[in-house]
Amino acid sequence: MALFRITRRTPLPAGEAARHRLGTARGPRTADADHGRPPPPAPTRPGTVFTARTGVGRAAFADPMEVVLWEPPGAGRPGRCRMEKRGRVVTGWAGIEVRAHGTGSEVIWSEDLSVTGLPRLLDRPTALAGRLLFGRVIARLLAAG
């Protein structure tokens, strides 16, 4: 499995960053960076099932997921969302945490994924590619906030 973690800080307050990053404004995963397709419906509770587009250009594919944890930020606690990947191509999980940091907030994206047919030897390059792709996605979503 390719495990990676991305941390980004934003001047947005935690509630607003969570609204844009956890999904209530734009969908949980707008990872189809080239096609400009609308995001999937936003999750609002555990049990929400959706299919996002993950990848870039012709390398993008359907990425079905189920929300298994949904906790919007509250007084003194971070917001969290965890999704289990249910696809044939990619399995694993993705987690997003949004916490207050100074006058803004910090967004942490963690993901552990496995790509069908890809040998374990390629886990590190897969994690690097994931960090680059999803780092770009997070930056774009927070900038849109």
C-alpha atoms as a PDB file:
ATOM      1  CA  MET A   1       0.000   0.000   0.000  1.00  0.00           C
ATOM      2  CA  ALA A   2       1.185   3.516  -0.817  1.00  0.00           C
ATOM      3  CA  LEU A   3       0.760   5.707   2.263  1.00  0.00           C
ATOM      4  CA  PHE A   4       1.126   9.476   2.005  1.00  0.00           C
ATOM      5  CA  ARG A   5       0.169  12.579   3.954  1.00  0.00           C
ATOM      6  CA  ILE A   6      -0.195  16.191   2.837  1.00  0.00           C
ATOM      7  CA  THR A   7      -0.491  19.190   5.164  1.00  0.00           C
ATOM      8  CA  ARG A   8      -1.548  22.629   3.939  1.00  0.00           C
ATOM      9  CA  ARG A   9      -2.212  25.801   5.927  1.00  0.00           C
ATOM     10  CA  THR A  10      -4.778  28.374   4.914  1.00  0.00           C
ATOM     11  CA  PRO A  11      -5.944  31.730   6.281  1.00  0.00           C
ATOM     12  CA  LEU A  12      -9.516  30.364   6.128  1.00  0.00           C
ATOM     13  CA  PRO A  13     -11.073  29.613   9.530  1.00  0.00           C
ATOM     14  CA  ALA A  14     -11.452  25.872  10.224  1.00  0.00           C
ATOM     15  CA  GLY A  15     -15.222  25.858   9.605  1.00  0.00           C
ATOM     16  CA  GLU A  16     -14.869  27.527   6.216  1.00  0.00           C
ATOM     17  CA  ALA A  17     -11.868  25.408   5.192  1.00  0.00           C
ATOM     18  CA  ALA A  18     -13.804  22.288   6.187  1.00  0.00           C
ATOM     19  CA  ARG A  19     -16.789  23.428   4.144  1.00  0.00           C
ATOM     20  CA  HIS A  20     -14.548  23.703   1.087  1.00  0.00           C
ATOM     21  CA  ARG A  21     -12.303  20.727   1.809  1.00  0.00           C
ATOM     22  CA  LEU A  22     -14.541  18.201   3.552  1.00  0.00           C
ATOM     23  CA  GLY A  23     -17.103  18.596   0.879  1.00  0.00           C
ATOM     24  CA  THR A  24     -20.145  20.622   1.821  1.00  0.00           C
ATOM     25  CA  ALA A  25     -19.322  23.312  -0.744  1.00  0.00           C
ATOM     26  CA  ARG A  26     -17.485  21.525  -3.564  1.00  0.00           C
ATOM     27  CA  GLY A  27     -17.643  17.780  -3.071  1.00  0.00           C
ATOM     28  CA  PRO A  28     -15.136  15.685  -1.183  1.00  0.00           C
ATOM     29  CA  ARG A  29     -12.735  14.956  -4.003  1.00  0.00           C
ATOM     30  CA  THR A  30     -12.324  17.070  -7.069  1.00  0.00           C
ATOM     31  CA  ALA A  31      -9.280  15.225  -8.333  1.00  0.00           C
ATOM     32  CA  ASP A  32      -9.984  15.253 -12.063  1.00  0.00           C
ATOM     33  CA  ALA A  33      -7.600  18.138 -12.535  1.00  0.00           C
ATOM     34  CA  ASP A  34      -7.837  18.435 -16.329  1.00  0.00           C
ATOM     35  CA  HIS A  35     -11.427  17.721 -17.265  1.00  0.00           C
ATOM     36  CA  GLY A  36     -13.196  20.358 -15.160  1.00  0.00           C
ATOM     37  CA  ARG A  37     -16.066  17.981 -14.439  1.00  0.00           C
ATOM     38  CA  PRO A  38     -18.408  18.957 -11.613  1.00  0.00           C
ATOM     39  CA  PRO A  39     -17.568  17.370  -8.267  1.00  0.00           C
ATOM     40  CA  PRO A  40     -19.587  14.447  -6.950  1.00  0.00           C
ATOM     41  CA  PRO A  41     -22.373  15.107  -4.430  1.00  0.00           C
ATOM     42  CA  ALA A  42     -21.013  16.190  -1.076  1.00  0.00           C
ATOM     43  CA  PRO A  43     -20.985  13.656   1.742  1.00  0.00           C
ATOM     44  CA  THR A  44     -22.862  14.682   4.838  1.00  0.00           C
ATOM     45  CA  ARG A  45     -22.811  11.505   6.930  1.00  0.00           C
ATOM     46  CA  PRO A  46     -21.351   8.009   7.224  1.00  0.00           C
ATOM     47  CA  GLY A  47     -22.833   5.684   4.636  1.00  0.00           C
ATOM     48  CA  THR A  48     -22.728   8.259   1.816  1.00  0.00           C
ATOM     49  CA  VAL A  49     -21.480   6.491  -1.312  1.00  0.00           C
ATOM     50  CA  PHE A  50     -20.128   8.466  -4.260  1.00  0.00           C
ATOM     51  CA  THR A  51     -17.856   8.098  -7.256  1.00  0.00           C
ATOM     52  CA  ALA A  52     -15.152  10.682  -7.845  1.00  0.00           C
ATOM     53  CA  ARG A  53     -12.815  10.992 -10.808  1.00  0.00           C
ATOM     54  CA  THR A  54      -9.228  10.487  -9.730  1.00  0.00           C
ATOM     55  CA  GLY A  55      -6.211  11.145 -11.917  1.00  0.00           C
ATOM     56  CA  VAL A  56      -5.181  13.563 -14.610  1.00  0.00           C
ATOM     57  CA  GLY A  57      -6.216  13.638 -18.247  1.00  0.00           C
ATOM     58  CA  ARG A  58      -6.592  10.244 -19.872  1.00  0.00           C
ATOM     59  CA  ALA A  59      -5.195   8.599 -16.752  1.00  0.00           C
ATOM     60  CA  ALA A  60      -8.328   9.569 -14.765  1.00  0.00           C
ATOM     61  CA  PHE A  61     -10.731   6.834 -13.680  1.00  0.00           C
ATOM     62  CA  ALA A  62     -13.833   6.276 -11.570  1.00  0.00           C
ATOM     63  CA  ASP A  63     -12.937   6.057  -7.867  1.00  0.00           C
ATOM     64  CA  PRO A  64     -15.969   4.789  -5.882  1.00  0.00           C
ATOM     65  CA  MET A  65     -15.871   5.519  -2.142  1.00  0.00           C
ATOM     66  CA  GLU A  66     -17.984   5.285   0.978  1.00  0.00           C
ATOM     67  CA  VAL A  67     -17.857   7.783   3.835  1.00  0.00           C
ATOM     68  CA  VAL A  68     -17.239   5.842   7.044  1.00  0.00           C
ATOM     69  CA  LEU A  69     -16.503   8.792   9.365  1.00  0.00           C
ATOM     70  CA  TRP A  70     -18.005  12.278   9.223  1.00  0.00           C
ATOM     71  CA  GLU A  71     -17.327  14.835  11.959  1.00  0.00           C
ATOM     72  CA  PRO A  72     -17.623  18.549  11.058  1.00  0.00           C
ATOM     73  CA  PRO A  73     -15.350  20.803  13.142  1.00  0.00           C
ATOM     74  CA  GLY A  74     -16.795  21.998  16.400  1.00  0.00           C
ATOM     75  CA  ALA A  75     -15.768  24.063  19.366  1.00  0.00           C
ATOM     76  CA  GLY A  76     -12.199  23.019  20.101  1.00  0.00           C
ATOM     77  CA  ARG A  77     -12.189  19.896  17.909  1.00  0.00           C
ATOM     78  CA  PRO A  78     -11.083  19.287  14.328  1.00  0.00           C
ATOM     79  CA  GLY A  79     -13.326  18.212  11.477  1.00  0.00           C
ATOM     80  CA  ARG A  80     -12.705  14.719  10.091  1.00  0.00           C
ATOM     81  CA  CYS A  81     -13.835  12.681   7.134  1.00  0.00           C
ATOM     82  CA  ARG A  82     -12.668   9.167   6.282  1.00  0.00           C
ATOM     83  CA  MET A  83     -13.561   7.392   3.065  1.00  0.00           C
ATOM     84  CA  GLU A  84     -13.026   3.742   2.176  1.00  0.00           C
ATOM     85  CA  LYS A  85     -12.201   3.140  -1.474  1.00  0.00           C
ATOM     86  CA  ARG A  86     -14.560   0.573  -3.024  1.00  0.00           C
ATOM     87  CA  GLY A  87     -13.189   0.376  -6.561  1.00  0.00           C
ATOM     88  CA  ARG A  88     -11.718  -2.387  -8.678  1.00  0.00           C
ATOM     89  CA  VAL A  89      -8.658  -0.312  -9.633  1.00  0.00           C
ATOM     90  CA  VAL A  90      -7.854   1.472  -6.368  1.00  0.00           C
ATOM     91  CA  THR A  91      -8.533   0.213  -2.843  1.00  0.00           C
ATOM     92  CA  GLY A  92      -7.581   1.606   0.550  1.00  0.00           C
ATOM     93  CA  TRP A  93      -8.771   4.714   2.352  1.00  0.00           C
ATOM     94  CA  ALA A  94      -8.501   8.511   2.367  1.00  0.00           C
ATOM     95  CA  GLY A  95      -8.834  10.749   5.416  1.00  0.00           C
ATOM     96  CA  ILE A  96      -9.153  14.503   5.711  1.00  0.00           C
ATOM     97  CA  GLU A  97      -8.735  16.509   8.904  1.00  0.00           C
ATOM     98  CA  VAL A  98      -9.277  20.254   9.273  1.00  0.00           C
ATOM     99  CA  ARG A  99      -8.129  21.934  12.475  1.00  0.00           C
ATOM    100  CA  ALA A 100      -7.772  25.488  13.701  1.00  0.00           C
ATOM    101  CA  HIS A 101      -4.246  26.874  13.419  1.00  0.00           C
ATOM    102  CA  GLY A 102      -3.704  30.412  14.664  1.00  0.00           C
ATOM    103  CA  THR A 103      -6.270  32.640  12.947  1.00  0.00           C
ATOM    104  CA  GLY A 104      -6.559  30.189  10.030  1.00  0.00           C
ATOM    105  CA  SER A 105      -6.551  26.437   9.754  1.00  0.00           C
ATOM    106  CA  GLU A 106      -4.568  23.415   8.718  1.00  0.00           C
ATOM    107  CA  VAL A 107      -5.826  20.739   6.318  1.00  0.00           C
ATOM    108  CA  ILE A 108      -4.291  17.263   6.530  1.00  0.00           C
ATOM    109  CA  TRP A 109      -4.980  14.731   3.782  1.00  0.00           C
ATOM    110  CA  SER A 110      -3.837  11.164   4.515  1.00  0.00           C
ATOM    111  CA  GLU A 111      -4.270   8.339   2.075  1.00  0.00           C
ATOM    112  CA  ASP A 112      -3.297   4.700   1.915  1.00  0.00           C
ATOM    113  CA  LEU A 113      -3.990   3.193  -1.471  1.00  0.00           C
ATOM    114  CA  SER A 114      -3.288   0.096  -3.467  1.00  0.00           C
ATOM    115  CA  VAL A 115      -3.519  -0.028  -7.249  1.00  0.00           C
ATOM    116  CA  THR A 116      -4.623  -3.349  -8.744  1.00  0.00           C
ATOM    117  CA  GLY A 117      -1.820  -5.042 -10.645  1.00  0.00           C
ATOM    118  CA  LEU A 118       0.864  -2.645  -9.428  1.00  0.00           C
ATOM    119  CA  PRO A 119       3.759  -4.406  -7.650  1.00  0.00           C
ATOM    120  CA  ARG A 120       4.725  -3.301  -4.127  1.00  0.00           C
ATOM    121  CA  LEU A 121       8.012  -2.128  -5.607  1.00  0.00           C
ATOM    122  CA  LEU A 122       6.087   0.861  -7.008  1.00  0.00           C
ATOM    123  CA  ASP A 123       4.481   1.897  -3.674  1.00  0.00           C
ATOM    124  CA  ARG A 124       6.952   4.761  -3.099  1.00  0.00           C
ATOM    125  CA  PRO A 125       6.556   6.281  -6.588  1.00  0.00           C
ATOM    126  CA  THR A 126       2.768   5.861  -6.267  1.00  0.00           C
ATOM    127  CA  ALA A 127       2.818   7.712  -2.929  1.00  0.00           C
ATOM    128  CA  LEU A 128       4.924  10.492  -4.467  1.00  0.00           C
ATOM    129  CA  ALA A 129       2.503  10.829  -7.392  1.00  0.00           C
ATOM    130  CA  GLY A 130      -0.418  10.912  -4.920  1.00  0.00           C
ATOM    131  CA  ARG A 131       1.238  13.666  -2.872  1.00  0.00           C
ATOM    132  CA  LEU A 132       1.787  15.748  -6.000  1.00  0.00           C
ATOM    133  CA  LEU A 133      -1.714  15.250  -7.445  1.00  0.00           C
ATOM    134  CA  PHE A 134      -3.676  15.705  -4.228  1.00  0.00           C
ATOM    135  CA  GLY A 135      -1.449  18.534  -3.007  1.00  0.00           C
ATOM    136  CA  ARG A 136      -2.458  20.400  -6.151  1.00  0.00           C
ATOM    137  CA  VAL A 137      -6.128  19.542  -5.642  1.00  0.00           C
ATOM    138  CA  ILE A 138      -6.116  20.737  -2.018  1.00  0.00           C
ATOM    139  CA  ALA A 139      -4.368  23.993  -2.939  1.00  0.00           C
ATOM    140  CA  ARG A 140      -6.922  24.652  -5.697  1.00  0.00           C
ATOM    141  CA  LEU A 141      -9.904  23.935  -3.448  1.00  0.00           C
ATOM    142  CA  LEU A 142      -8.613  26.103  -0.612  1.00  0.00           C
ATOM    143  CA  ALA A 143      -7.842  28.938  -3.031  1.00  0.00           C
ATOM    144  CA  ALA A 144     -11.433  28.710  -4.282  1.00  0.00           C
ATOM    145  CA  GLY A 145     -12.597  29.199  -0.715  1.00  0.00           C
END
